[in-house]
Amino acid sequence: MMRLVFYRGRGDMVNKIIRMITKGPYSHGELQFSSGRRFFASGHGEYQGVHMLRDQKIYGPLWDSIEIPATPGQEYAAQRFAFRLIGLPFDWAGMIRFLFSCPG
């Protein structure tokens, strides 16, 4: 079972700015696969760019989670897609375009 996980903790100044700009409770999101791999992109900090880690992260109470029902084939296809993105830089331009296209 895949899960989307969203961070709603205080975090650092960047987290606060993200929540202020998006007018939402979350500043970070990850996709976690049933294998324990987790896929995420970051524009700051230790992990800048697009990454996938396999560390069986346990998400604490500051994370909200949504399960995504998927067949093994669908999950495998999602992992293959994510693997192609690893190593790319964070898409700042895409994020800014998304923010300006959202109804406010």
C-alpha atoms as a PDB file:
ATOM      1  CA  MET A   1       0.000   0.000   0.000  1.00  0.00           C
ATOM      2  CA  MET A   2       1.390   3.388  -0.951  1.00  0.00           C
ATOM      3  CA  ARG A   3       0.901   6.407   1.276  1.00  0.00           C
ATOM      4  CA  LEU A   4       1.111  10.147   0.855  1.00  0.00           C
ATOM      5  CA  VAL A   5       2.481  11.761   3.997  1.00  0.00           C
ATOM      6  CA  PHE A   6       2.319  15.474   4.769  1.00  0.00           C
ATOM      7  CA  TYR A   7       4.299  17.425   7.384  1.00  0.00           C
ATOM      8  CA  ARG A   8       2.413  19.959   9.493  1.00  0.00           C
ATOM      9  CA  GLY A   9       4.954  20.628  12.253  1.00  0.00           C
ATOM     10  CA  ARG A  10       6.515  24.010  12.974  1.00  0.00           C
ATOM     11  CA  GLY A  11       9.771  23.317  11.189  1.00  0.00           C
ATOM     12  CA  ASP A  12      12.213  26.031  10.201  1.00  0.00           C
ATOM     13  CA  MET A  13      11.655  29.405   8.543  1.00  0.00           C
ATOM     14  CA  VAL A  14      11.346  27.793   5.085  1.00  0.00           C
ATOM     15  CA  ASN A  15       8.521  25.555   6.362  1.00  0.00           C
ATOM     16  CA  LYS A  16       6.720  28.602   7.745  1.00  0.00           C
ATOM     17  CA  ILE A  17       7.130  30.524   4.487  1.00  0.00           C
ATOM     18  CA  ILE A  18       5.780  27.583   2.460  1.00  0.00           C
ATOM     19  CA  ARG A  19       2.685  27.361   4.665  1.00  0.00           C
ATOM     20  CA  MET A  20       2.186  31.141   4.477  1.00  0.00           C
ATOM     21  CA  ILE A  21       2.441  31.182   0.661  1.00  0.00           C
ATOM     22  CA  THR A  22       0.206  28.147   0.155  1.00  0.00           C
ATOM     23  CA  LYS A  23      -2.221  29.196   2.913  1.00  0.00           C
ATOM     24  CA  GLY A  24      -2.253  25.568   4.012  1.00  0.00           C
ATOM     25  CA  PRO A  25      -1.240  23.470   7.010  1.00  0.00           C
ATOM     26  CA  TYR A  26       1.514  21.483   5.257  1.00  0.00           C
ATOM     27  CA  SER A  27       5.047  22.365   4.243  1.00  0.00           C
ATOM     28  CA  HIS A  28       6.367  19.031   2.991  1.00  0.00           C
ATOM     29  CA  GLY A  29       5.027  15.887   1.377  1.00  0.00           C
ATOM     30  CA  GLU A  30       6.428  12.447   0.618  1.00  0.00           C
ATOM     31  CA  LEU A  31       5.280   9.348  -1.212  1.00  0.00           C
ATOM     32  CA  GLN A  32       6.043   6.151   0.715  1.00  0.00           C
ATOM     33  CA  PHE A  33       5.918   2.756  -0.967  1.00  0.00           C
ATOM     34  CA  SER A  34       5.103  -0.529   0.771  1.00  0.00           C
ATOM     35  CA  SER A  35       8.765  -1.544   0.396  1.00  0.00           C
ATOM     36  CA  GLY A  36       9.735   1.290   2.753  1.00  0.00           C
ATOM     37  CA  ARG A  37      11.138   3.454  -0.025  1.00  0.00           C
ATOM     38  CA  ARG A  38      10.086   7.076   0.239  1.00  0.00           C
ATOM     39  CA  PHE A  39      10.211   9.587  -2.561  1.00  0.00           C
ATOM     40  CA  PHE A  40      10.466  13.341  -2.054  1.00  0.00           C
ATOM     41  CA  ALA A  41      11.844  16.577  -3.491  1.00  0.00           C
ATOM     42  CA  SER A  42      13.348  19.431  -1.513  1.00  0.00           C
ATOM     43  CA  GLY A  43      14.557  22.890  -2.384  1.00  0.00           C
ATOM     44  CA  HIS A  44      16.627  23.398   0.755  1.00  0.00           C
ATOM     45  CA  GLY A  45      18.495  21.563   3.474  1.00  0.00           C
ATOM     46  CA  GLU A  46      20.600  18.436   3.335  1.00  0.00           C
ATOM     47  CA  TYR A  47      18.587  16.758   0.571  1.00  0.00           C
ATOM     48  CA  GLN A  48      18.197  19.325  -2.197  1.00  0.00           C
ATOM     49  CA  GLY A  49      16.636  17.964  -5.369  1.00  0.00           C
ATOM     50  CA  VAL A  50      14.710  14.756  -5.974  1.00  0.00           C
ATOM     51  CA  HIS A  51      15.522  11.724  -3.818  1.00  0.00           C
ATOM     52  CA  MET A  52      14.384   8.279  -2.877  1.00  0.00           C
ATOM     53  CA  LEU A  53      15.487   6.710   0.399  1.00  0.00           C
ATOM     54  CA  ARG A  54      14.823   3.264   1.810  1.00  0.00           C
ATOM     55  CA  ASP A  55      14.933   3.704   5.539  1.00  0.00           C
ATOM     56  CA  GLN A  56      11.552   2.490   6.834  1.00  0.00           C
ATOM     57  CA  LYS A  57      10.888   5.965   8.290  1.00  0.00           C
ATOM     58  CA  ILE A  58       8.346   6.027  11.098  1.00  0.00           C
ATOM     59  CA  TYR A  59       6.254   9.169  10.786  1.00  0.00           C
ATOM     60  CA  GLY A  60       5.395  10.867  14.072  1.00  0.00           C
ATOM     61  CA  PRO A  61       2.322  12.784  15.174  1.00  0.00           C
ATOM     62  CA  LEU A  62       3.279  15.867  13.115  1.00  0.00           C
ATOM     63  CA  TRP A  63       2.642  13.958   9.875  1.00  0.00           C
ATOM     64  CA  ASP A  64      -0.742  13.231   8.292  1.00  0.00           C
ATOM     65  CA  SER A  65      -1.074  10.181   6.085  1.00  0.00           C
ATOM     66  CA  ILE A  66      -3.374   9.123   3.251  1.00  0.00           C
ATOM     67  CA  GLU A  67      -3.314   5.534   2.025  1.00  0.00           C
ATOM     68  CA  ILE A  68      -3.430   5.039  -1.729  1.00  0.00           C
ATOM     69  CA  PRO A  69      -4.987   1.726  -2.717  1.00  0.00           C
ATOM     70  CA  ALA A  70      -2.956   0.334  -5.586  1.00  0.00           C
ATOM     71  CA  THR A  71      -2.341  -3.026  -7.155  1.00  0.00           C
ATOM     72  CA  PRO A  72       1.253  -4.308  -7.060  1.00  0.00           C
ATOM     73  CA  GLY A  73       1.529  -3.436 -10.759  1.00  0.00           C
ATOM     74  CA  GLN A  74       0.350   0.135 -10.181  1.00  0.00           C
ATOM     75  CA  GLU A  75       2.786   0.574  -7.302  1.00  0.00           C
ATOM     76  CA  TYR A  76       5.645  -0.809  -9.405  1.00  0.00           C
ATOM     77  CA  ALA A  77       4.773   1.623 -12.219  1.00  0.00           C
ATOM     78  CA  ALA A  78       4.753   4.529  -9.733  1.00  0.00           C
ATOM     79  CA  GLN A  79       8.187   3.483  -8.424  1.00  0.00           C
ATOM     80  CA  ARG A  80       9.581   3.230 -11.965  1.00  0.00           C
ATOM     81  CA  PHE A  81       8.313   6.754 -12.665  1.00  0.00           C
ATOM     82  CA  ALA A  82       9.838   8.068  -9.407  1.00  0.00           C
ATOM     83  CA  PHE A  83      13.196   6.390 -10.138  1.00  0.00           C
ATOM     84  CA  ARG A  84      13.458   8.373 -13.388  1.00  0.00           C
ATOM     85  CA  LEU A  85      13.213  11.633 -11.411  1.00  0.00           C
ATOM     86  CA  ILE A  86      15.981  10.882  -8.890  1.00  0.00           C
ATOM     87  CA  GLY A  87      18.859  13.340  -9.110  1.00  0.00           C
ATOM     88  CA  LEU A  88      16.903  16.074 -10.844  1.00  0.00           C
ATOM     89  CA  PRO A  89      17.021  19.530  -9.240  1.00  0.00           C
ATOM     90  CA  PHE A  90      14.053  20.858  -7.303  1.00  0.00           C
ATOM     91  CA  ASP A  91      11.529  22.395  -9.714  1.00  0.00           C
ATOM     92  CA  TRP A  92      11.285  25.924  -8.329  1.00  0.00           C
ATOM     93  CA  ALA A  93       9.766  27.293 -11.562  1.00  0.00           C
ATOM     94  CA  GLY A  94       7.104  24.574 -11.562  1.00  0.00           C
ATOM     95  CA  MET A  95       6.241  25.236  -7.935  1.00  0.00           C
ATOM     96  CA  ILE A  96       5.888  28.983  -8.594  1.00  0.00           C
ATOM     97  CA  ARG A  97       3.705  28.352 -11.683  1.00  0.00           C
ATOM     98  CA  PHE A  98       1.525  26.045  -9.584  1.00  0.00           C
ATOM     99  CA  LEU A  99       1.135  28.646  -6.836  1.00  0.00           C
ATOM    100  CA  PHE A 100       0.067  31.355  -9.294  1.00  0.00           C
ATOM    101  CA  SER A 101      -2.410  29.036 -11.019  1.00  0.00           C
ATOM    102  CA  CYS A 102      -4.240  28.114  -7.790  1.00  0.00           C
ATOM    103  CA  PRO A 103      -7.433  30.005  -7.010  1.00  0.00           C
ATOM    104  CA  GLY A 104      -6.769  32.190  -4.038  1.00  0.00           C
END
